[in-house]
């Protein structure tokens, strides 16, 4: 009798991560769909679901596991202790949010007409790739600017996840993922408040 667990629909959510990256190449406006990856984990966590999204529904985590474990692309080594520390995780979250805020500010400047649309995708917050082959003239420039900025964030975080997947264990990204850190923090606060109210 086989001990293999029957696969469920959420076991195939890695397709969502792959599809998102592909769609962003063909039309940058699909980057707006990435907001679901930001809002759903927070909604679940705030509703008392803890890290349910991270553990069961994160397509990126599944993709990293698939590449690292199934395709043996990971060295499968433990992460350095400092990368698992609270200081590193919350420090990276703070840095990530500062960069996200900067992206929102640039979007505001385009919305307000102060700056013009910058059709580039920025990797690792440094390397700018021209991305102007898609027609975005049918939407306000600010809408397109947000898409470029958000796709840059998603692509950068995917690259970081792939690098740490190769160097360490497949889902090493999940240790310091900003969304994971936020949902963990929310769960901790909710748990502490529950204990105080007992």
N, C-alpha and C. Protein backbone atom coordinates (compact mmCIF):
# COMPACT_ATOMS: atom_id res chain seq x y z
N UNK A 1 0.85 -1.21 0.00
CA UNK A 1 0.00 0.00 0.00
C UNK A 1 0.88 1.25 0.00
N UNK A 2 0.62 2.17 -0.89
CA UNK A 2 1.46 3.35 -1.02
C UNK A 2 1.24 4.32 0.13
N UNK A 3 2.36 4.89 0.61
CA UNK A 3 2.29 5.88 1.69
C UNK A 3 2.27 7.30 1.16
N UNK A 4 2.27 7.42 -0.18
CA UNK A 4 2.30 8.75 -0.77
C UNK A 4 0.98 9.47 -0.52
N UNK A 5 1.12 10.74 -0.12
CA UNK A 5 -0.07 11.56 0.14
C UNK A 5 -0.71 11.97 -1.18
N UNK A 6 -2.03 11.86 -1.22
CA UNK A 6 -2.73 12.29 -2.43
C UNK A 6 -2.61 13.79 -2.58
N UNK A 7 -2.23 14.23 -3.78
CA UNK A 7 -2.01 15.65 -4.01
C UNK A 7 -3.32 16.41 -4.00
N UNK A 8 -3.28 17.63 -3.46
CA UNK A 8 -4.43 18.52 -3.41
C UNK A 8 -4.20 19.66 -4.40
N UNK A 9 -5.24 20.44 -4.60
CA UNK A 9 -5.15 21.55 -5.56
C UNK A 9 -4.05 22.54 -5.18
N UNK A 10 -3.86 22.77 -3.86
CA UNK A 10 -2.87 23.76 -3.45
C UNK A 10 -1.44 23.25 -3.59
N UNK A 11 -1.26 21.98 -3.94
CA UNK A 11 0.09 21.47 -4.19
C UNK A 11 0.63 21.93 -5.54
N UNK A 12 -0.22 22.55 -6.34
CA UNK A 12 0.19 22.99 -7.67
C UNK A 12 0.25 24.51 -7.79
N UNK A 13 0.28 25.18 -6.66
CA UNK A 13 0.30 26.65 -6.69
C UNK A 13 1.62 27.22 -7.17
N UNK A 14 2.65 26.37 -7.29
CA UNK A 14 3.91 26.87 -7.86
C UNK A 14 3.70 27.34 -9.30
N UNK A 15 2.65 26.80 -9.98
CA UNK A 15 2.33 27.26 -11.32
C UNK A 15 1.98 28.75 -11.30
N UNK A 16 1.36 29.20 -10.22
CA UNK A 16 0.96 30.61 -10.10
C UNK A 16 2.19 31.51 -10.10
N UNK A 17 3.22 31.11 -9.35
CA UNK A 17 4.45 31.91 -9.31
C UNK A 17 5.14 31.96 -10.67
N UNK A 18 5.18 30.82 -11.34
CA UNK A 18 5.79 30.77 -12.67
C UNK A 18 5.00 31.62 -13.66
N UNK A 19 3.67 31.46 -13.63
CA UNK A 19 2.81 32.20 -14.55
C UNK A 19 2.92 33.70 -14.32
N UNK A 20 3.00 34.11 -13.06
CA UNK A 20 3.11 35.54 -12.74
C UNK A 20 4.35 36.14 -13.39
N UNK A 21 5.49 35.48 -13.25
CA UNK A 21 6.73 35.99 -13.82
C UNK A 21 6.67 36.04 -15.34
N UNK A 22 6.06 35.04 -15.96
CA UNK A 22 5.94 35.01 -17.42
C UNK A 22 5.02 36.11 -17.91
N UNK A 23 3.88 36.28 -17.26
CA UNK A 23 2.93 37.31 -17.67
C UNK A 23 3.54 38.70 -17.57
N UNK A 24 4.38 38.91 -16.55
CA UNK A 24 5.03 40.21 -16.40
C UNK A 24 5.99 40.54 -17.51
N UNK A 25 6.53 39.52 -18.16
CA UNK A 25 7.41 39.74 -19.31
C UNK A 25 6.59 40.20 -20.51
N UNK A 26 5.43 39.59 -20.71
CA UNK A 26 4.60 39.92 -21.88
C UNK A 26 3.80 41.20 -21.69
N UNK A 27 3.38 41.45 -20.45
CA UNK A 27 2.67 42.70 -20.16
C UNK A 27 2.88 43.05 -18.71
N UNK A 28 3.60 44.11 -18.47
CA UNK A 28 4.00 44.50 -17.12
C UNK A 28 2.80 44.79 -16.23
N UNK A 29 1.65 45.10 -16.81
CA UNK A 29 0.47 45.43 -16.01
C UNK A 29 -0.04 44.24 -15.20
N UNK A 30 0.33 43.03 -15.61
CA UNK A 30 -0.04 41.86 -14.82
C UNK A 30 0.64 41.87 -13.45
N UNK A 31 1.64 42.72 -13.28
CA UNK A 31 2.34 42.81 -11.99
C UNK A 31 1.38 43.19 -10.86
N UNK A 32 0.29 43.86 -11.20
CA UNK A 32 -0.69 44.24 -10.18
C UNK A 32 -1.27 43.01 -9.47
N UNK A 33 -1.28 41.87 -10.13
CA UNK A 33 -1.81 40.66 -9.51
C UNK A 33 -0.98 40.24 -8.29
N UNK A 34 0.27 40.70 -8.24
CA UNK A 34 1.13 40.37 -7.12
C UNK A 34 0.63 40.91 -5.79
N UNK A 35 -0.27 41.89 -5.84
CA UNK A 35 -0.84 42.41 -4.60
C UNK A 35 -1.57 41.33 -3.82
N UNK A 36 -2.05 40.32 -4.53
CA UNK A 36 -2.71 39.20 -3.85
C UNK A 36 -1.74 38.48 -2.92
N UNK A 37 -0.47 38.39 -3.36
CA UNK A 37 0.55 37.72 -2.53
C UNK A 37 0.90 38.54 -1.30
N UNK A 38 0.58 39.82 -1.33
CA UNK A 38 0.82 40.68 -0.17
C UNK A 38 -0.38 40.68 0.76
N UNK A 39 -1.57 40.78 0.18
CA UNK A 39 -2.77 40.97 1.00
C UNK A 39 -3.29 39.68 1.61
N UNK A 40 -3.32 38.59 0.85
CA UNK A 40 -3.91 37.34 1.35
C UNK A 40 -3.20 36.82 2.60
N UNK A 41 -1.85 36.75 2.63
CA UNK A 41 -1.20 36.28 3.87
C UNK A 41 -1.54 37.13 5.08
N UNK A 42 -1.60 38.46 4.88
CA UNK A 42 -1.91 39.35 6.00
C UNK A 42 -3.34 39.17 6.47
N UNK A 43 -4.27 39.02 5.53
CA UNK A 43 -5.67 38.83 5.89
C UNK A 43 -5.84 37.53 6.67
N UNK A 44 -5.21 36.46 6.19
CA UNK A 44 -5.29 35.17 6.87
C UNK A 44 -4.71 35.25 8.27
N UNK A 45 -3.54 35.91 8.39
CA UNK A 45 -2.88 36.01 9.69
C UNK A 45 -3.68 36.86 10.66
N UNK A 46 -4.20 38.00 10.17
CA UNK A 46 -5.00 38.88 11.02
C UNK A 46 -6.31 38.21 11.44
N UNK A 47 -6.77 37.26 10.63
CA UNK A 47 -8.01 36.54 10.94
C UNK A 47 -7.78 35.35 11.87
N UNK A 48 -6.54 35.18 12.31
CA UNK A 48 -6.23 34.10 13.24
C UNK A 48 -5.67 32.85 12.60
N UNK A 49 -5.36 32.93 11.30
CA UNK A 49 -4.84 31.76 10.60
C UNK A 49 -3.35 31.57 10.71
N UNK A 50 -2.68 32.48 11.43
CA UNK A 50 -1.23 32.34 11.63
C UNK A 50 -0.48 32.33 10.31
N UNK A 51 0.38 31.32 10.15
CA UNK A 51 1.19 31.20 8.94
C UNK A 51 0.61 30.15 7.99
N UNK A 52 -0.72 30.04 7.99
CA UNK A 52 -1.39 29.08 7.13
C UNK A 52 -1.02 29.29 5.67
N UNK A 53 -0.97 30.55 5.23
CA UNK A 53 -0.63 30.84 3.84
C UNK A 53 0.78 30.37 3.53
N UNK A 54 1.72 30.70 4.38
CA UNK A 54 3.12 30.33 4.16
C UNK A 54 3.28 28.81 4.10
N UNK A 55 2.59 28.12 4.96
CA UNK A 55 2.77 26.68 5.07
C UNK A 55 2.01 25.89 4.01
N UNK A 56 0.93 26.45 3.46
CA UNK A 56 0.07 25.67 2.58
C UNK A 56 -0.21 26.27 1.21
N UNK A 57 -0.11 27.60 1.08
CA UNK A 57 -0.58 28.21 -0.15
C UNK A 57 0.45 29.08 -0.88
N UNK A 58 1.66 29.16 -0.38
CA UNK A 58 2.66 30.02 -1.01
C UNK A 58 3.27 29.32 -2.23
N UNK A 59 2.95 29.84 -3.40
CA UNK A 59 3.47 29.26 -4.63
C UNK A 59 4.97 29.37 -4.76
N UNK A 60 5.53 30.45 -4.25
CA UNK A 60 6.99 30.61 -4.34
C UNK A 60 7.70 29.58 -3.49
N UNK A 61 7.21 29.36 -2.28
CA UNK A 61 7.81 28.35 -1.41
C UNK A 61 7.76 26.97 -2.07
N UNK A 62 6.62 26.67 -2.71
CA UNK A 62 6.50 25.40 -3.42
C UNK A 62 7.48 25.30 -4.58
N UNK A 63 7.63 26.41 -5.31
CA UNK A 63 8.54 26.42 -6.45
C UNK A 63 9.98 26.19 -6.00
N UNK A 64 10.39 26.84 -4.92
CA UNK A 64 11.74 26.67 -4.40
C UNK A 64 11.97 25.24 -3.93
N UNK A 65 10.95 24.66 -3.29
CA UNK A 65 11.06 23.27 -2.85
C UNK A 65 11.18 22.33 -4.05
N UNK A 66 10.38 22.59 -5.07
CA UNK A 66 10.40 21.76 -6.27
C UNK A 66 11.78 21.80 -6.94
N UNK A 67 12.31 23.00 -7.12
CA UNK A 67 13.61 23.14 -7.77
C UNK A 67 14.73 22.58 -6.92
N UNK A 68 14.66 22.85 -5.63
CA UNK A 68 15.74 22.44 -4.74
C UNK A 68 15.72 20.97 -4.39
N UNK A 69 14.53 20.45 -4.09
CA UNK A 69 14.41 19.07 -3.62
C UNK A 69 14.21 18.08 -4.77
N UNK A 70 13.22 18.35 -5.59
CA UNK A 70 12.89 17.41 -6.66
C UNK A 70 13.92 17.42 -7.79
N UNK A 71 14.44 18.62 -8.10
CA UNK A 71 15.41 18.72 -9.19
C UNK A 71 16.85 18.82 -8.69
N UNK A 72 17.02 18.68 -7.38
CA UNK A 72 18.36 18.64 -6.77
C UNK A 72 19.24 19.84 -7.11
N UNK A 73 18.63 21.02 -7.14
CA UNK A 73 19.39 22.24 -7.43
C UNK A 73 19.91 22.92 -6.17
N UNK A 74 19.60 22.34 -5.02
CA UNK A 74 20.03 22.91 -3.74
C UNK A 74 21.19 22.12 -3.15
N UNK A 75 22.11 22.84 -2.52
CA UNK A 75 23.20 22.18 -1.78
C UNK A 75 22.68 21.53 -0.51
N UNK A 76 21.46 21.94 -0.10
CA UNK A 76 20.79 21.39 1.08
C UNK A 76 21.63 21.56 2.35
N UNK A 77 22.26 22.73 2.46
CA UNK A 77 23.07 23.04 3.64
C UNK A 77 22.28 23.96 4.57
N UNK A 78 22.55 23.88 5.87
CA UNK A 78 21.86 24.79 6.80
C UNK A 78 22.27 26.24 6.55
N UNK A 79 21.32 27.13 6.78
CA UNK A 79 21.63 28.56 6.68
C UNK A 79 22.52 28.98 7.83
N UNK A 80 23.34 30.03 7.65
CA UNK A 80 24.09 30.57 8.78
C UNK A 80 23.12 31.02 9.88
N UNK A 81 23.54 30.86 11.11
CA UNK A 81 22.66 31.20 12.23
C UNK A 81 22.21 32.65 12.21
N UNK A 82 23.09 33.56 11.75
CA UNK A 82 22.72 34.97 11.78
C UNK A 82 21.55 35.25 10.84
N UNK A 83 21.42 34.47 9.75
CA UNK A 83 20.32 34.68 8.81
C UNK A 83 18.99 34.19 9.37
N UNK A 84 19.06 33.33 10.38
CA UNK A 84 17.84 32.84 11.02
C UNK A 84 17.47 33.65 12.25
N UNK A 85 18.33 34.59 12.60
CA UNK A 85 18.09 35.37 13.82
C UNK A 85 16.97 36.38 13.63
N UNK A 86 16.36 36.75 14.74
CA UNK A 86 15.29 37.76 14.73
C UNK A 86 15.81 39.08 14.19
N UNK A 87 17.05 39.43 14.52
CA UNK A 87 17.61 40.72 14.10
C UNK A 87 17.75 40.78 12.59
N UNK A 88 18.22 39.69 11.98
CA UNK A 88 18.37 39.68 10.52
C UNK A 88 17.00 39.71 9.85
N UNK A 89 16.07 38.89 10.33
CA UNK A 89 14.76 38.80 9.70
C UNK A 89 14.01 40.13 9.77
N UNK A 90 14.02 40.77 10.93
CA UNK A 90 13.31 42.04 11.06
C UNK A 90 14.10 43.18 10.43
N UNK A 91 15.42 43.03 10.38
CA UNK A 91 16.24 44.01 9.69
C UNK A 91 15.98 43.98 8.19
N UNK A 92 15.88 42.75 7.64
CA UNK A 92 15.58 42.63 6.22
C UNK A 92 14.17 43.11 5.92
N UNK A 93 13.23 42.82 6.82
CA UNK A 93 11.87 43.32 6.64
C UNK A 93 11.86 44.85 6.61
N UNK A 94 12.60 45.48 7.50
CA UNK A 94 12.66 46.94 7.54
C UNK A 94 13.25 47.49 6.24
N UNK A 95 14.34 46.89 5.79
CA UNK A 95 14.96 47.31 4.53
C UNK A 95 13.99 47.14 3.37
N UNK A 96 13.32 45.99 3.35
CA UNK A 96 12.36 45.70 2.29
C UNK A 96 11.23 46.72 2.27
N UNK A 97 10.73 47.09 3.44
CA UNK A 97 9.63 48.04 3.51
C UNK A 97 10.08 49.44 3.11
N UNK A 98 11.32 49.79 3.43
CA UNK A 98 11.86 51.09 3.00
C UNK A 98 11.92 51.14 1.47
N UNK A 99 12.40 50.06 0.85
CA UNK A 99 12.47 50.00 -0.61
C UNK A 99 11.06 50.00 -1.22
N UNK A 100 10.13 49.32 -0.56
CA UNK A 100 8.75 49.31 -1.03
C UNK A 100 8.15 50.71 -0.93
N UNK A 101 8.43 51.40 0.17
CA UNK A 101 7.95 52.77 0.33
C UNK A 101 8.53 53.70 -0.72
N UNK A 102 9.80 53.50 -1.05
CA UNK A 102 10.44 54.30 -2.09
C UNK A 102 9.78 54.06 -3.44
N UNK A 103 9.41 52.81 -3.69
CA UNK A 103 8.71 52.49 -4.93
C UNK A 103 7.35 53.19 -4.98
N UNK A 104 6.64 53.18 -3.86
CA UNK A 104 5.35 53.86 -3.80
C UNK A 104 5.50 55.37 -4.00
N UNK A 105 6.57 55.93 -3.44
CA UNK A 105 6.81 57.37 -3.59
C UNK A 105 7.09 57.72 -5.05
N UNK A 106 7.88 56.89 -5.73
CA UNK A 106 8.14 57.12 -7.16
C UNK A 106 6.86 57.01 -7.98
N UNK A 107 6.00 56.08 -7.57
CA UNK A 107 4.71 55.94 -8.25
C UNK A 107 3.87 57.21 -8.05
N UNK A 108 3.88 57.73 -6.83
CA UNK A 108 3.15 58.97 -6.54
C UNK A 108 3.66 60.13 -7.39
N UNK A 109 4.99 60.22 -7.55
CA UNK A 109 5.56 61.30 -8.36
C UNK A 109 5.09 61.23 -9.81
N UNK A 110 4.93 60.01 -10.32
CA UNK A 110 4.44 59.85 -11.70
C UNK A 110 2.95 60.16 -11.75
N UNK A 111 2.18 59.68 -10.77
CA UNK A 111 0.75 59.98 -10.71
C UNK A 111 0.50 61.48 -10.69
N UNK A 112 1.34 62.19 -9.95
CA UNK A 112 1.13 63.64 -9.78
C UNK A 112 1.70 64.45 -10.94
N UNK A 113 2.40 63.79 -11.86
CA UNK A 113 2.95 64.48 -13.01
C UNK A 113 4.30 65.11 -12.78
N UNK A 114 4.88 64.95 -11.61
CA UNK A 114 6.20 65.51 -11.32
C UNK A 114 7.28 64.77 -12.10
N UNK A 115 7.18 63.44 -12.15
CA UNK A 115 8.11 62.62 -12.92
C UNK A 115 7.37 61.94 -14.06
N UNK A 116 8.12 61.57 -15.09
CA UNK A 116 7.53 60.83 -16.20
C UNK A 116 7.71 59.33 -15.98
N UNK A 117 6.95 58.55 -16.71
CA UNK A 117 7.00 57.09 -16.58
C UNK A 117 8.39 56.57 -16.91
N UNK A 118 8.92 55.72 -16.02
CA UNK A 118 10.24 55.12 -16.21
C UNK A 118 10.04 53.64 -16.48
N UNK A 119 10.14 53.25 -17.75
CA UNK A 119 9.84 51.88 -18.16
C UNK A 119 11.05 50.97 -17.97
N UNK A 120 11.37 50.72 -16.72
CA UNK A 120 12.48 49.82 -16.40
C UNK A 120 12.06 48.91 -15.25
N UNK A 121 12.65 47.73 -15.23
CA UNK A 121 12.52 46.81 -14.10
C UNK A 121 13.87 46.80 -13.40
N UNK A 122 13.85 47.06 -12.11
CA UNK A 122 15.09 47.17 -11.34
C UNK A 122 15.31 45.90 -10.53
N UNK A 123 16.43 45.22 -10.81
CA UNK A 123 16.79 44.00 -10.11
C UNK A 123 17.69 44.30 -8.93
N UNK A 124 17.38 43.67 -7.81
CA UNK A 124 18.19 43.82 -6.59
C UNK A 124 18.37 45.29 -6.22
N UNK A 125 17.35 46.10 -6.53
CA UNK A 125 17.32 47.52 -6.19
C UNK A 125 18.47 48.31 -6.82
N UNK A 126 19.15 47.73 -7.81
CA UNK A 126 20.34 48.35 -8.38
C UNK A 126 20.38 48.31 -9.90
N UNK A 127 20.16 47.15 -10.48
CA UNK A 127 20.37 46.95 -11.92
C UNK A 127 19.08 47.22 -12.69
N UNK A 128 19.13 48.19 -13.60
CA UNK A 128 17.94 48.62 -14.33
C UNK A 128 17.89 47.96 -15.70
N UNK A 129 16.80 47.24 -15.96
CA UNK A 129 16.59 46.57 -17.24
C UNK A 129 15.50 47.29 -18.02
N UNK A 130 15.79 47.77 -19.23
CA UNK A 130 14.73 48.39 -20.05
C UNK A 130 13.60 47.40 -20.29
N UNK A 131 12.36 47.88 -20.15
CA UNK A 131 11.20 46.98 -20.23
C UNK A 131 10.09 47.66 -21.01
N UNK A 132 10.48 48.41 -22.05
CA UNK A 132 9.51 49.30 -22.70
C UNK A 132 8.85 48.74 -23.94
N UNK A 133 8.88 47.41 -24.13
CA UNK A 133 8.30 46.85 -25.35
C UNK A 133 6.79 46.65 -25.25
N UNK A 134 6.21 46.85 -24.04
CA UNK A 134 4.77 46.65 -23.86
C UNK A 134 4.06 47.99 -23.91
N UNK A 135 2.97 48.05 -24.65
CA UNK A 135 2.18 49.27 -24.75
C UNK A 135 1.38 49.48 -23.47
N UNK A 136 1.70 50.54 -22.74
CA UNK A 136 0.95 50.87 -21.52
C UNK A 136 0.24 52.21 -21.65
N UNK A 137 0.14 52.71 -22.88
CA UNK A 137 -0.42 54.05 -23.09
C UNK A 137 -1.91 54.12 -22.78
N UNK A 138 -2.59 52.96 -22.69
CA UNK A 138 -4.04 52.96 -22.46
C UNK A 138 -4.39 53.05 -20.97
N UNK A 139 -3.37 53.11 -20.09
CA UNK A 139 -3.61 53.30 -18.66
C UNK A 139 -2.84 54.54 -18.20
N UNK A 140 -3.26 55.16 -17.10
CA UNK A 140 -2.51 56.31 -16.58
C UNK A 140 -1.06 55.92 -16.30
N UNK A 141 -0.11 56.83 -16.51
CA UNK A 141 1.31 56.52 -16.29
C UNK A 141 1.60 56.01 -14.87
N UNK A 142 0.88 56.52 -13.88
CA UNK A 142 1.10 56.07 -12.52
C UNK A 142 0.74 54.61 -12.31
N UNK A 143 -0.29 54.16 -13.01
CA UNK A 143 -0.69 52.76 -12.94
C UNK A 143 0.41 51.87 -13.49
N UNK A 144 0.98 52.29 -14.63
CA UNK A 144 2.08 51.53 -15.23
C UNK A 144 3.32 51.60 -14.35
N UNK A 145 3.58 52.77 -13.76
CA UNK A 145 4.79 52.91 -12.93
C UNK A 145 4.73 51.97 -11.72
N UNK A 146 3.56 51.86 -11.11
CA UNK A 146 3.42 50.93 -10.00
C UNK A 146 3.71 49.51 -10.45
N UNK A 147 3.23 49.15 -11.63
CA UNK A 147 3.46 47.80 -12.15
C UNK A 147 4.94 47.53 -12.34
N UNK A 148 5.67 48.48 -12.91
CA UNK A 148 7.12 48.31 -13.08
C UNK A 148 7.81 48.15 -11.72
N UNK A 149 7.42 48.99 -10.77
CA UNK A 149 8.04 48.93 -9.45
C UNK A 149 7.71 47.65 -8.72
N UNK A 150 6.45 47.23 -8.80
CA UNK A 150 6.03 46.04 -8.07
C UNK A 150 6.63 44.78 -8.68
N UNK A 151 6.69 44.73 -10.00
CA UNK A 151 7.32 43.58 -10.66
C UNK A 151 8.79 43.51 -10.29
N UNK A 152 9.43 44.67 -10.15
CA UNK A 152 10.83 44.70 -9.72
C UNK A 152 11.00 44.08 -8.34
N UNK A 153 10.08 44.41 -7.44
CA UNK A 153 10.11 43.84 -6.08
C UNK A 153 9.93 42.33 -6.12
N UNK A 154 8.95 41.88 -6.88
CA UNK A 154 8.65 40.45 -6.95
C UNK A 154 9.77 39.67 -7.61
N UNK A 155 10.34 40.23 -8.68
CA UNK A 155 11.43 39.55 -9.38
C UNK A 155 12.69 39.51 -8.52
N UNK A 156 12.96 40.61 -7.82
CA UNK A 156 14.13 40.67 -6.93
C UNK A 156 14.01 39.64 -5.81
N UNK A 157 12.84 39.57 -5.18
CA UNK A 157 12.67 38.63 -4.09
C UNK A 157 12.74 37.18 -4.60
N UNK A 158 12.28 36.94 -5.83
CA UNK A 158 12.39 35.60 -6.42
C UNK A 158 13.85 35.23 -6.62
N UNK A 159 14.65 36.19 -7.12
CA UNK A 159 16.08 35.93 -7.32
C UNK A 159 16.77 35.63 -6.00
N UNK A 160 16.45 36.41 -4.96
CA UNK A 160 17.03 36.15 -3.65
C UNK A 160 16.64 34.76 -3.16
N UNK A 161 15.39 34.38 -3.39
CA UNK A 161 14.93 33.05 -2.99
C UNK A 161 15.67 31.96 -3.73
N UNK A 162 15.92 32.16 -5.02
CA UNK A 162 16.65 31.17 -5.81
C UNK A 162 18.09 31.03 -5.36
N UNK A 163 18.72 32.17 -5.06
CA UNK A 163 20.12 32.15 -4.62
C UNK A 163 20.25 31.39 -3.31
N UNK A 164 19.40 31.71 -2.34
CA UNK A 164 19.49 31.02 -1.05
C UNK A 164 19.02 29.57 -1.16
N UNK A 165 18.16 29.28 -2.14
CA UNK A 165 17.77 27.89 -2.38
C UNK A 165 18.96 27.07 -2.84
N UNK A 166 19.76 27.65 -3.73
CA UNK A 166 20.93 26.94 -4.24
C UNK A 166 22.00 26.79 -3.16
N UNK A 167 22.23 27.85 -2.40
CA UNK A 167 23.31 27.84 -1.41
C UNK A 167 22.98 27.02 -0.17
N UNK A 168 21.72 27.07 0.23
CA UNK A 168 21.33 26.44 1.49
C UNK A 168 20.19 25.43 1.23
N UNK A 169 19.26 25.31 2.15
CA UNK A 169 18.14 24.39 1.96
C UNK A 169 17.11 25.00 1.01
N UNK A 170 16.31 24.13 0.37
CA UNK A 170 15.41 24.64 -0.68
C UNK A 170 14.54 25.82 -0.29
N UNK A 171 13.93 25.77 0.89
CA UNK A 171 13.02 26.85 1.28
C UNK A 171 13.66 27.81 2.27
N UNK A 172 14.94 28.07 2.10
CA UNK A 172 15.65 29.00 2.99
C UNK A 172 15.05 30.41 2.92
N UNK A 173 14.55 30.78 1.74
CA UNK A 173 13.93 32.09 1.60
C UNK A 173 12.80 32.28 2.60
N UNK A 174 12.08 31.20 2.89
CA UNK A 174 10.93 31.28 3.79
C UNK A 174 11.34 31.72 5.20
N UNK A 175 12.61 31.52 5.55
CA UNK A 175 13.09 31.91 6.87
C UNK A 175 13.09 33.43 7.03
N UNK A 176 13.49 34.14 5.97
CA UNK A 176 13.61 35.60 6.10
C UNK A 176 12.69 36.36 5.14
N UNK A 177 11.75 35.65 4.54
CA UNK A 177 10.77 36.29 3.66
C UNK A 177 10.02 37.39 4.43
N UNK A 178 9.94 38.59 3.88
CA UNK A 178 9.25 39.69 4.60
C UNK A 178 7.80 39.36 4.96
N UNK A 179 7.09 38.69 4.05
CA UNK A 179 5.70 38.34 4.35
C UNK A 179 5.64 37.32 5.48
N UNK A 180 6.55 36.36 5.46
CA UNK A 180 6.61 35.37 6.53
C UNK A 180 6.93 36.01 7.87
N UNK A 181 7.85 36.98 7.84
CA UNK A 181 8.21 37.67 9.07
C UNK A 181 7.03 38.47 9.61
N UNK A 182 6.29 39.12 8.70
CA UNK A 182 5.14 39.90 9.14
C UNK A 182 4.03 39.00 9.71
N UNK A 183 3.75 37.89 9.02
CA UNK A 183 2.69 37.00 9.53
C UNK A 183 3.10 36.36 10.84
N UNK A 184 4.39 36.07 10.98
CA UNK A 184 4.89 35.53 12.25
C UNK A 184 4.72 36.57 13.37
N UNK A 185 5.07 37.82 13.05
CA UNK A 185 4.93 38.89 14.03
C UNK A 185 3.48 39.10 14.45
N UNK A 186 2.58 39.06 13.46
CA UNK A 186 1.14 39.22 13.76
C UNK A 186 0.67 38.07 14.65
N UNK A 187 1.08 36.85 14.32
CA UNK A 187 0.68 35.68 15.10
C UNK A 187 1.19 35.78 16.53
N UNK A 188 2.43 36.26 16.68
CA UNK A 188 3.03 36.39 18.02
C UNK A 188 2.26 37.41 18.85
N UNK A 189 1.93 38.54 18.23
CA UNK A 189 1.18 39.59 18.94
C UNK A 189 -0.19 39.08 19.35
N UNK A 190 -0.88 38.39 18.42
CA UNK A 190 -2.21 37.87 18.72
C UNK A 190 -2.15 36.82 19.85
N UNK A 191 -1.10 35.98 19.83
CA UNK A 191 -0.95 34.96 20.85
C UNK A 191 -0.69 35.60 22.21
N UNK A 192 0.21 36.59 22.25
CA UNK A 192 0.52 37.27 23.51
C UNK A 192 -0.69 37.98 24.09
N UNK A 193 -1.49 38.59 23.21
CA UNK A 193 -2.71 39.25 23.67
C UNK A 193 -3.72 38.25 24.22
N UNK A 194 -3.77 37.09 23.59
CA UNK A 194 -4.68 36.04 24.06
C UNK A 194 -4.28 35.54 25.45
N UNK A 195 -2.96 35.37 25.65
CA UNK A 195 -2.44 34.92 26.95
C UNK A 195 -2.76 35.95 28.04
N UNK A 196 -2.61 37.23 27.70
CA UNK A 196 -2.88 38.29 28.68
C UNK A 196 -4.34 38.33 29.10
N UNK A 197 -5.21 37.95 28.16
CA UNK A 197 -6.65 38.03 28.43
C UNK A 197 -7.21 36.80 29.13
N UNK A 198 -6.37 35.80 29.33
CA UNK A 198 -6.83 34.58 30.02
C UNK A 198 -6.92 34.84 31.53
